[in-house]
């Protein structure tokens, strides 16, 4: 099933993302996304999006491999891949941006390479456990239907999130470079805060299905796990929400020295 998911999703993502920017450029001119006051960022944004687009098939494959590992209660494989990707991304940013002076294109290349390496490492981790992670098989209609039944709820959820954040970014870019910079600061704060909830999500996805529907079905343990996740989630959410609100409010200079951006934050 893993290699089927990888083949189907990867194929569609390759076809989709390689031509995504061209389709947008054809039907929606770039100023429609950046606003009339931000023509200077169109070229850089275009370069960044095109470079990052090449890594999306690998990103999706990595997510599938990560979910498979977590489903088998193996968190070390994804952790090693994440650590390696972080080191490669950080070193690549320093070398390509600071040393070579490639700017935003260098940052995009560094991120792309790190994502591809992480996907390869997670696939190798599955291969070491006996899965044919590097093989390609054309799925049958029945297998495709099963894949779509599993992926449909997640697809709707992720599409809604992407649409929401895209709308926020569109609104920010239409208000000028200063507002866009402040928006980027707050988005980064949001990303740092939301990371703390991801372990709870992964724990629920890894353990809950087995306790509710698996061969070792145990509703008592499922309720105990749910109670623990809710308590931890409430405490974590309140703490992270407080920190995420107070830090930009009281210490905005941690993120930028530009006073105009600080005022917007």
Protein backbone atom coordinates (compact mmCIF):
# COMPACT_ATOMS: atom_id res chain seq x y z
CA UNK A 1 0.00 0.00 0.00
CA UNK A 2 2.85 2.38 0.78
CA UNK A 3 4.40 2.12 -2.67
CA UNK A 4 0.96 2.49 -4.25
CA UNK A 5 0.30 5.67 -2.32
CA UNK A 6 3.72 6.95 -3.25
CA UNK A 7 3.28 6.23 -6.93
CA UNK A 8 -0.18 7.76 -7.27
CA UNK A 9 0.44 10.81 -5.13
CA UNK A 10 3.92 11.42 -6.49
CA UNK A 11 2.80 11.20 -10.11
CA UNK A 12 -0.04 13.64 -9.64
CA UNK A 13 2.13 16.02 -7.64
CA UNK A 14 4.85 16.03 -10.31
CA UNK A 15 2.34 16.84 -13.03
CA UNK A 16 0.54 19.37 -10.89
CA UNK A 17 3.34 21.38 -9.33
CA UNK A 18 5.60 21.58 -12.37
CA UNK A 19 2.84 23.43 -14.23
CA UNK A 20 1.14 25.13 -11.27
CA UNK A 21 2.92 28.46 -11.54
CA UNK A 22 2.52 28.59 -15.31
CA UNK A 23 -1.23 28.01 -14.99
CA UNK A 24 -1.52 30.75 -12.37
CA UNK A 25 0.51 33.11 -14.51
CA UNK A 26 -1.73 32.39 -17.48
CA UNK A 27 -5.09 32.92 -15.80
CA UNK A 28 -4.09 35.32 -13.01
CA UNK A 29 -1.38 37.92 -13.68
CA UNK A 30 1.25 38.17 -10.96
CA UNK A 31 0.07 41.60 -9.71
CA UNK A 32 -3.22 39.91 -8.78
CA UNK A 33 -1.32 38.15 -5.99
CA UNK A 34 1.22 40.80 -5.02
CA UNK A 35 -0.74 44.01 -5.39
CA UNK A 36 0.06 46.99 -7.57
CA UNK A 37 2.63 48.34 -5.09
CA UNK A 38 4.82 45.24 -4.97
CA UNK A 39 6.12 44.68 -8.49
CA UNK A 40 9.67 44.43 -7.15
CA UNK A 41 8.96 41.15 -5.34
CA UNK A 42 7.37 39.35 -8.30
CA UNK A 43 10.65 38.13 -9.82
CA UNK A 44 12.03 36.85 -6.50
CA UNK A 45 8.75 35.20 -5.56
CA UNK A 46 8.53 33.54 -8.97
CA UNK A 47 12.06 32.14 -8.66
CA UNK A 48 11.44 30.88 -5.14
CA UNK A 49 8.14 29.19 -6.03
CA UNK A 50 9.57 27.47 -9.10
CA UNK A 51 12.58 26.07 -7.22
CA UNK A 52 10.51 24.87 -4.25
CA UNK A 53 8.00 23.29 -6.63
CA UNK A 54 10.55 20.71 -7.76
CA UNK A 55 10.72 19.31 -4.22
CA UNK A 56 6.98 18.85 -3.69
CA UNK A 57 6.83 15.27 -5.01
CA UNK A 58 9.64 14.36 -2.60
CA UNK A 59 7.85 16.18 0.22
CA UNK A 60 4.68 14.18 -0.35
CA UNK A 61 6.59 10.90 -0.55
CA UNK A 62 8.33 11.84 2.69
CA UNK A 63 5.02 12.55 4.40
CA UNK A 64 3.66 9.16 3.32
CA UNK A 65 6.82 7.41 4.53
CA UNK A 66 6.70 9.33 7.80
CA UNK A 67 3.07 8.35 8.39
CA UNK A 68 3.94 4.72 7.70
CA UNK A 69 6.80 4.83 10.20
CA UNK A 70 4.70 6.50 12.87
CA UNK A 71 1.91 4.00 12.22
CA UNK A 72 4.43 1.28 13.12
CA UNK A 73 5.35 3.32 16.22
CA UNK A 74 8.80 4.09 14.84
CA UNK A 75 9.67 7.71 15.56
CA UNK A 76 13.45 7.38 15.30
CA UNK A 77 13.50 7.09 11.51
CA UNK A 78 11.58 10.35 10.90
CA UNK A 79 13.57 12.04 13.68
CA UNK A 80 16.89 11.17 12.03
CA UNK A 81 15.60 12.39 8.66
CA UNK A 82 14.39 15.65 10.21
CA UNK A 83 17.70 16.21 11.98
CA UNK A 84 19.66 15.62 8.77
CA UNK A 85 17.33 17.90 6.79
CA UNK A 86 17.70 20.67 9.38
CA UNK A 87 21.50 20.50 9.25
CA UNK A 88 21.54 20.47 5.44
CA UNK A 89 19.05 23.33 5.24
CA UNK A 90 20.93 25.46 7.76
CA UNK A 91 24.34 24.82 6.21
CA UNK A 92 22.93 25.35 2.73
CA UNK A 93 21.36 28.66 3.71
CA UNK A 94 24.64 29.91 5.16
CA UNK A 95 26.71 28.78 2.19
CA UNK A 96 24.36 29.75 -0.65
CA UNK A 97 22.98 32.96 0.84
CA UNK A 98 25.83 34.39 2.92
CA UNK A 99 28.89 33.02 1.09
CA UNK A 100 27.71 32.72 -2.51
CA UNK A 101 25.20 35.58 -2.35
CA UNK A 102 22.36 33.78 -4.16
CA UNK A 103 19.72 35.36 -1.93
CA UNK A 104 16.23 33.92 -1.91
CA UNK A 105 17.11 31.49 -4.71
CA UNK A 106 19.87 30.04 -2.53
CA UNK A 107 17.43 29.60 0.35
CA UNK A 108 15.01 27.80 -1.97
CA UNK A 109 17.72 25.46 -3.28
CA UNK A 110 18.89 24.64 0.24
CA UNK A 111 15.35 23.84 1.38
CA UNK A 112 14.66 21.77 -1.73
CA UNK A 113 17.79 19.64 -1.27
CA UNK A 114 17.08 19.10 2.43
CA UNK A 115 13.52 17.95 1.69
CA UNK A 116 14.69 15.49 -0.97
CA UNK A 117 17.34 14.06 1.37
CA UNK A 118 14.78 13.72 4.19
CA UNK A 119 12.35 11.89 1.89
CA UNK A 120 15.10 9.52 0.73
CA UNK A 121 16.14 8.77 4.32
CA UNK A 122 12.57 7.99 5.39
CA UNK A 123 12.08 5.73 2.37
CA UNK A 124 15.35 3.97 3.19
CA UNK A 125 14.09 3.50 6.74
CA UNK A 126 11.00 1.73 5.40
CA UNK A 127 13.13 -0.38 3.07
CA UNK A 128 15.24 -1.52 6.02
CA UNK A 129 12.03 -2.76 7.66
CA UNK A 130 11.12 -4.90 4.66
CA UNK A 131 8.91 -2.54 2.62
CA UNK A 132 9.49 -1.99 -1.09
CA UNK A 133 9.72 1.75 -0.63
CA UNK A 134 11.66 2.40 -3.86
CA UNK A 135 9.51 0.28 -6.17
CA UNK A 136 6.77 1.59 -8.46
CA UNK A 137 3.58 -0.34 -9.15
CA UNK A 138 0.53 0.76 -11.11
CA UNK A 139 -2.45 0.44 -8.73
CA UNK A 140 -5.72 -1.21 -9.67
CA UNK A 141 -9.05 0.64 -9.66
CA UNK A 142 -9.97 -0.96 -6.34
CA UNK A 143 -6.71 0.13 -4.75
CA UNK A 144 -7.15 3.65 -6.11
CA UNK A 145 -10.62 3.80 -4.57
CA UNK A 146 -9.23 2.69 -1.23
CA UNK A 147 -6.51 5.33 -1.43
CA UNK A 148 -9.02 8.07 -2.22
CA UNK A 149 -11.29 6.99 0.64
CA UNK A 150 -8.39 7.30 3.05
CA UNK A 151 -6.97 10.50 1.59
CA UNK A 152 -10.19 12.44 0.98
CA UNK A 153 -10.73 13.78 4.55
CA UNK A 154 -7.06 14.74 4.87
CA UNK A 155 -7.14 16.36 1.43
CA UNK A 156 -10.15 18.51 2.35
CA UNK A 157 -8.55 19.54 5.65
CA UNK A 158 -5.20 20.45 4.11
CA UNK A 159 -6.81 22.25 1.17
CA UNK A 160 -8.86 24.36 3.57
CA UNK A 161 -5.74 25.27 5.55
CA UNK A 162 -3.77 26.16 2.43
CA UNK A 163 -6.65 28.26 1.09
CA UNK A 164 -6.94 30.13 4.39
CA UNK A 165 -3.22 30.93 4.61
CA UNK A 166 -3.11 31.83 0.93
CA UNK A 167 -5.92 34.33 1.53
CA UNK A 168 -4.01 35.84 4.45
CA UNK A 169 -0.84 36.15 2.36
CA UNK A 170 -2.78 37.65 -0.54
CA UNK A 171 -4.30 40.26 1.76
CA UNK A 172 -0.89 41.09 3.25
CA UNK A 173 0.89 41.42 -0.09
CA UNK A 174 -1.77 43.79 -1.38
CA UNK A 175 -1.03 46.20 1.49
CA UNK A 176 2.63 46.85 0.73
CA UNK A 177 6.09 45.52 1.59
CA UNK A 178 6.01 46.69 5.23
CA UNK A 179 2.75 44.90 5.96
CA UNK A 180 4.04 41.82 4.13
CA UNK A 181 7.19 41.79 6.29
CA UNK A 182 5.12 42.05 9.48
CA UNK A 183 2.85 39.31 8.22
CA UNK A 184 5.86 37.06 7.62
CA UNK A 185 7.05 37.66 11.19
CA UNK A 186 3.68 36.66 12.62
CA UNK A 187 3.43 33.63 10.34
CA UNK A 188 6.82 32.46 11.61
CA UNK A 189 5.63 32.90 15.20
CA UNK A 190 2.52 30.90 14.34
CA UNK A 191 4.60 28.11 12.81
CA UNK A 192 6.83 27.92 15.88
CA UNK A 193 3.78 27.69 18.13
CA UNK A 194 1.83 25.13 16.11
CA UNK A 195 4.80 22.75 16.11
CA UNK A 196 4.07 21.99 19.76
CA UNK A 197 0.72 20.46 18.89
CA UNK A 198 2.07 18.17 16.18
CA UNK A 199 3.27 15.43 18.58
CA UNK A 200 -0.26 15.17 19.98
CA UNK A 201 -1.66 14.82 16.48
CA UNK A 202 0.88 12.17 15.52
CA UNK A 203 0.28 10.27 18.77
CA UNK A 204 -3.47 10.20 18.17
CA UNK A 205 -3.02 9.07 14.55
CA UNK A 206 -0.54 6.35 15.51
CA UNK A 207 -2.29 4.82 18.54
CA UNK A 208 -6.01 5.64 18.32
CA UNK A 209 -6.90 3.58 15.20
CA UNK A 210 -5.40 0.43 16.70
CA UNK A 211 -7.19 0.91 20.02
CA UNK A 212 -10.55 1.61 18.37
CA UNK A 213 -10.57 -0.63 15.27
CA UNK A 214 -7.45 -2.83 15.43
CA UNK A 215 -7.00 -6.45 16.39
CA UNK A 216 -6.08 -5.35 19.93
CA UNK A 217 -9.20 -3.20 20.29
CA UNK A 218 -9.43 -1.65 23.74
CA UNK A 219 -11.90 1.19 24.25
CA UNK A 220 -10.85 1.72 27.86
CA UNK A 221 -7.27 2.47 26.82
CA UNK A 222 -8.60 4.60 23.96
CA UNK A 223 -10.60 6.73 26.41
CA UNK A 224 -7.58 7.04 28.71
CA UNK A 225 -5.41 8.12 25.80
CA UNK A 226 -8.04 10.61 24.65
CA UNK A 227 -8.29 12.08 28.14
CA UNK A 228 -4.51 12.42 28.38
CA UNK A 229 -4.28 14.05 24.95
CA UNK A 230 -7.04 16.53 25.78
CA UNK A 231 -5.43 17.53 29.09
CA UNK A 232 -1.98 17.90 27.54
CA UNK A 233 -3.49 19.74 24.57
CA UNK A 234 -5.31 22.27 26.76
CA UNK A 235 -2.21 22.96 28.87
CA UNK A 236 0.07 23.17 25.84
CA UNK A 237 -2.39 25.33 23.91
CA UNK A 238 -2.81 27.80 26.76
CA UNK A 239 0.95 28.03 27.35
CA UNK A 240 1.93 28.36 23.71
CA UNK A 241 -0.93 30.79 23.04
CA UNK A 242 0.23 33.02 25.87
CA UNK A 243 3.85 32.94 24.75
CA UNK A 244 2.89 33.46 21.11
CA UNK A 245 0.88 36.55 22.07
CA UNK A 246 3.23 38.15 24.59
CA UNK A 247 6.56 37.68 22.79
CA UNK A 248 5.65 39.62 19.59
CA UNK A 249 3.79 42.18 21.69
CA UNK A 250 6.52 42.85 24.27
CA UNK A 251 9.66 41.87 22.32
CA UNK A 252 9.04 42.60 18.62
CA UNK A 253 12.68 43.61 18.12
CA UNK A 254 13.66 39.95 18.45
CA UNK A 255 12.39 39.47 14.90
CA UNK A 256 13.35 42.70 13.12
CA UNK A 257 15.14 46.00 13.67
CA UNK A 258 12.93 47.92 11.23
CA UNK A 259 10.74 50.22 13.32
CA UNK A 260 8.05 50.41 10.66
CA UNK A 261 7.76 46.62 10.64
CA UNK A 262 7.76 46.60 14.47
CA UNK A 263 4.81 48.99 14.49
CA UNK A 264 2.89 46.75 12.12
CA UNK A 265 3.64 43.70 14.29
